[in-house]
Every structure is written in structure tokens, then in C-alpha cells.
Amino acid sequence: MNESGKGDPLHGVTLEAIVTALVERHGWEVLGREIPIRCFTHDPSIKSSLTFLRRTPWARARVEELYLRAKAPPGRLASPPLAAQLALTAALRMTRGSEHRWGGCTQR
């Protein structure tokens, strides 16, 4: 493993794989209750969820946190510092290389 992946539990896991795993494990109804966002509660689909989550760092962070909690061994939940780290990582992913991003829209 290279240096960039050390310590990142989501290294190499795509957002599509995360959402698919959560849907298979919990279903859309449970996802909508856990993370009440429209793409999980109204006519949900993997495609619409990926579109929204890629543009919304706070929602992506919550989905990643739920995925890590689901993968954690019984009795071991993701700690709050990990959740904060995931939120920061998600925010950095969204801003990297997009200096002209305003209000959720990218100008090219």
C-alpha cells in the first residue's frame, strides 16, 4: 500500500460500492431513516444517490460513516474523531481541483 492509503479505512473503496453495500444490507427505507436525504427517501436509485453524494460533502461523510459502522466488528463503532476525519476528507475531496466552485456549481 502506498503512503496515501495508510490509515484511510476507505482507501480503494468507491462511493458506488459503499452505497450498493448499504442498500443490500439495510435497504432504502432504513437508509432514508438513518440519513434523511431525498435521494434515499423519494424514488431512490444508486445513480441519483451517487450524483447527490458526490456534490454534497456532508451527506457523503454521513454515508461513509454509516458504511464504516456497518463494517465494524460488533461492539466497535466508529469513534467521533473518525467521523470528523471522514467529514474533513469528504470536504477536501470536493474542493480539490475546483477553485471556482460556488454554491454547488463548478464553473469551467
Foldseek 3Di string as FASTA:
>chain_A
DDPVCPPPPCVPPDLLNLVVVCCVVPNLVVVCVQQVDCCSPPPHDSVVVVVVCLLDLVSVLSSVQVSQQVVDDPPDHDDPVVSVVSSVVSVCVNPVPQPQDDPSDGDD
